[in-house]
């Protein structure tokens, strides 16, 4: 059994997670710090509210994002990257560099 056969399932799962439409953009925005839903929506103008909500939930389930609810009136919710999400910093930077060179 080669090294690649053990590596491939995890690699493909990671690419699928971060490669889902809008997931990379959400992670990129959260690398700048905690954001509220409306701030993310403004930073990623082409995403719908429904899609942003769905992607945030997926990233939360995968342990990439955490949702913090503040006991305030009016209510306030912020999204943060977990350590797992913050570990994507170099990956996002590498994709950005690759895109600058090869895309568009």
C-alpha atoms as a PDB file:
ATOM      1  CA  UNK A   1       0.000   0.000   0.000  1.00  0.00           C
ATOM      2  CA  UNK A   2       1.460   3.346  -0.999  1.00  0.00           C
ATOM      3  CA  UNK A   3       1.635   6.496   1.078  1.00  0.00           C
ATOM      4  CA  UNK A   4      -0.876   8.115  -1.287  1.00  0.00           C
ATOM      5  CA  UNK A   5      -3.612   5.570  -0.628  1.00  0.00           C
ATOM      6  CA  UNK A   6      -3.632   6.566   3.057  1.00  0.00           C
ATOM      7  CA  UNK A   7      -3.341  10.256   2.252  1.00  0.00           C
ATOM      8  CA  UNK A   8      -6.003  10.534  -0.448  1.00  0.00           C
ATOM      9  CA  UNK A   9      -9.215  10.196   1.602  1.00  0.00           C
ATOM     10  CA  UNK A  10      -8.165  12.920   4.047  1.00  0.00           C
ATOM     11  CA  UNK A  11      -6.829  15.097   1.242  1.00  0.00           C
ATOM     12  CA  UNK A  12     -10.034  14.804  -0.766  1.00  0.00           C
ATOM     13  CA  UNK A  13     -12.192  15.520   2.280  1.00  0.00           C
ATOM     14  CA  UNK A  14     -10.139  18.648   3.036  1.00  0.00           C
ATOM     15  CA  UNK A  15     -10.315  19.891  -0.556  1.00  0.00           C
ATOM     16  CA  UNK A  16     -14.050  19.221  -0.641  1.00  0.00           C
ATOM     17  CA  UNK A  17     -14.595  21.125   2.607  1.00  0.00           C
ATOM     18  CA  UNK A  18     -12.573  24.221   1.754  1.00  0.00           C
ATOM     19  CA  UNK A  19     -13.454  24.000  -1.944  1.00  0.00           C
ATOM     20  CA  UNK A  20     -17.204  24.214  -1.490  1.00  0.00           C
ATOM     21  CA  UNK A  21     -18.531  27.374  -3.024  1.00  0.00           C
ATOM     22  CA  UNK A  22     -18.072  30.288  -0.606  1.00  0.00           C
ATOM     23  CA  UNK A  23     -16.324  28.273   2.132  1.00  0.00           C
ATOM     24  CA  UNK A  24     -12.889  29.581   1.182  1.00  0.00           C
ATOM     25  CA  UNK A  25     -14.155  33.155   1.070  1.00  0.00           C
ATOM     26  CA  UNK A  26     -15.716  32.791   4.523  1.00  0.00           C
ATOM     27  CA  UNK A  27     -12.521  31.356   5.985  1.00  0.00           C
ATOM     28  CA  UNK A  28     -10.477  34.105   4.304  1.00  0.00           C
ATOM     29  CA  UNK A  29     -12.683  36.798   5.858  1.00  0.00           C
ATOM     30  CA  UNK A  30     -12.582  35.194   9.310  1.00  0.00           C
ATOM     31  CA  UNK A  31      -8.786  35.038   9.180  1.00  0.00           C
ATOM     32  CA  UNK A  32      -9.038  38.802   9.721  1.00  0.00           C
ATOM     33  CA  UNK A  33     -10.839  38.262  13.022  1.00  0.00           C
ATOM     34  CA  UNK A  34     -14.302  37.621  14.408  1.00  0.00           C
ATOM     35  CA  UNK A  35     -17.218  38.792  12.291  1.00  0.00           C
ATOM     36  CA  UNK A  36     -20.946  39.085  12.597  1.00  0.00           C
ATOM     37  CA  UNK A  37     -23.245  37.595   9.974  1.00  0.00           C
ATOM     38  CA  UNK A  38     -23.966  40.993   8.410  1.00  0.00           C
ATOM     39  CA  UNK A  39     -20.253  41.808   8.230  1.00  0.00           C
ATOM     40  CA  UNK A  40     -19.572  38.550   6.413  1.00  0.00           C
ATOM     41  CA  UNK A  41     -22.508  39.219   4.092  1.00  0.00           C
ATOM     42  CA  UNK A  42     -21.114  42.664   3.224  1.00  0.00           C
ATOM     43  CA  UNK A  43     -17.583  41.315   2.729  1.00  0.00           C
ATOM     44  CA  UNK A  44     -18.844  38.596   0.361  1.00  0.00           C
ATOM     45  CA  UNK A  45     -21.497  40.512  -1.613  1.00  0.00           C
ATOM     46  CA  UNK A  46     -22.525  37.759  -4.062  1.00  0.00           C
ATOM     47  CA  UNK A  47     -23.444  35.206  -1.388  1.00  0.00           C
ATOM     48  CA  UNK A  48     -27.090  34.884  -0.369  1.00  0.00           C
ATOM     49  CA  UNK A  49     -28.147  34.909   3.275  1.00  0.00           C
ATOM     50  CA  UNK A  50     -29.329  31.314   2.934  1.00  0.00           C
ATOM     51  CA  UNK A  51     -26.013  30.123   1.473  1.00  0.00           C
ATOM     52  CA  UNK A  52     -23.960  32.025   4.049  1.00  0.00           C
ATOM     53  CA  UNK A  53     -25.997  30.450   6.839  1.00  0.00           C
ATOM     54  CA  UNK A  54     -25.590  26.965   5.323  1.00  0.00           C
ATOM     55  CA  UNK A  55     -21.830  27.322   4.838  1.00  0.00           C
ATOM     56  CA  UNK A  56     -21.312  28.704   8.338  1.00  0.00           C
ATOM     57  CA  UNK A  57     -23.209  25.722   9.764  1.00  0.00           C
ATOM     58  CA  UNK A  58     -21.141  23.271   7.716  1.00  0.00           C
ATOM     59  CA  UNK A  59     -17.896  24.905   8.812  1.00  0.00           C
ATOM     60  CA  UNK A  60     -19.128  24.861  12.411  1.00  0.00           C
ATOM     61  CA  UNK A  61     -20.001  21.148  12.211  1.00  0.00           C
ATOM     62  CA  UNK A  62     -16.518  20.444  10.793  1.00  0.00           C
ATOM     63  CA  UNK A  63     -14.913  22.346  13.676  1.00  0.00           C
ATOM     64  CA  UNK A  64     -13.477  25.124  11.497  1.00  0.00           C
ATOM     65  CA  UNK A  65     -15.754  27.905  12.775  1.00  0.00           C
ATOM     66  CA  UNK A  66     -17.315  28.568  16.143  1.00  0.00           C
ATOM     67  CA  UNK A  67     -20.415  30.642  16.779  1.00  0.00           C
ATOM     68  CA  UNK A  68     -20.478  32.837  19.879  1.00  0.00           C
ATOM     69  CA  UNK A  69     -23.827  34.159  21.103  1.00  0.00           C
ATOM     70  CA  UNK A  70     -23.733  37.174  23.411  1.00  0.00           C
ATOM     71  CA  UNK A  71     -26.456  37.686  26.004  1.00  0.00           C
ATOM     72  CA  UNK A  72     -27.292  41.221  24.926  1.00  0.00           C
ATOM     73  CA  UNK A  73     -30.309  43.111  23.713  1.00  0.00           C
ATOM     74  CA  UNK A  74     -30.432  43.216  20.800  1.00  0.00           C
ATOM     75  CA  UNK A  75     -28.815  39.815  20.395  1.00  0.00           C
ATOM     76  CA  UNK A  76     -25.336  39.594  18.949  1.00  0.00           C
ATOM     77  CA  UNK A  77     -23.634  36.609  17.333  1.00  0.00           C
ATOM     78  CA  UNK A  78     -20.025  36.484  16.201  1.00  0.00           C
ATOM     79  CA  UNK A  79     -18.238  33.859  14.166  1.00  0.00           C
ATOM     80  CA  UNK A  80     -14.609  32.956  14.873  1.00  0.00           C
ATOM     81  CA  UNK A  81     -12.167  30.506  13.400  1.00  0.00           C
ATOM     82  CA  UNK A  82     -11.167  27.679  15.707  1.00  0.00           C
ATOM     83  CA  UNK A  83      -7.551  26.509  15.927  1.00  0.00           C
ATOM     84  CA  UNK A  84      -8.437  24.106  13.120  1.00  0.00           C
ATOM     85  CA  UNK A  85      -9.667  27.046  11.043  1.00  0.00           C
ATOM     86  CA  UNK A  86      -6.697  29.247  11.886  1.00  0.00           C
ATOM     87  CA  UNK A  87      -4.425  26.450  10.685  1.00  0.00           C
ATOM     88  CA  UNK A  88      -5.771  27.176   7.188  1.00  0.00           C
ATOM     89  CA  UNK A  89      -3.974  30.553   7.093  1.00  0.00           C
ATOM     90  CA  UNK A  90      -1.016  29.248   5.070  1.00  0.00           C
ATOM     91  CA  UNK A  91      -3.325  27.229   2.805  1.00  0.00           C
ATOM     92  CA  UNK A  92      -5.468  30.281   2.023  1.00  0.00           C
ATOM     93  CA  UNK A  93      -2.335  32.372   1.422  1.00  0.00           C
ATOM     94  CA  UNK A  94      -0.925  29.727  -0.936  1.00  0.00           C
ATOM     95  CA  UNK A  95      -4.194  29.546  -2.885  1.00  0.00           C
ATOM     96  CA  UNK A  96      -4.203  33.345  -3.138  1.00  0.00           C
ATOM     97  CA  UNK A  97      -0.650  33.376  -4.490  1.00  0.00           C
ATOM     98  CA  UNK A  98      -1.430  30.598  -6.942  1.00  0.00           C
ATOM     99  CA  UNK A  99      -4.589  32.416  -8.099  1.00  0.00           C
ATOM    100  CA  UNK A 100      -2.685  35.672  -8.616  1.00  0.00           C
ATOM    101  CA  UNK A 101      -0.202  33.896 -10.824  1.00  0.00           C
ATOM    102  CA  UNK A 102      -2.361  31.438 -12.737  1.00  0.00           C
ATOM    103  CA  UNK A 103      -6.014  32.540 -12.671  1.00  0.00           C
ATOM    104  CA  UNK A 104      -7.461  35.454 -14.559  1.00  0.00           C
END
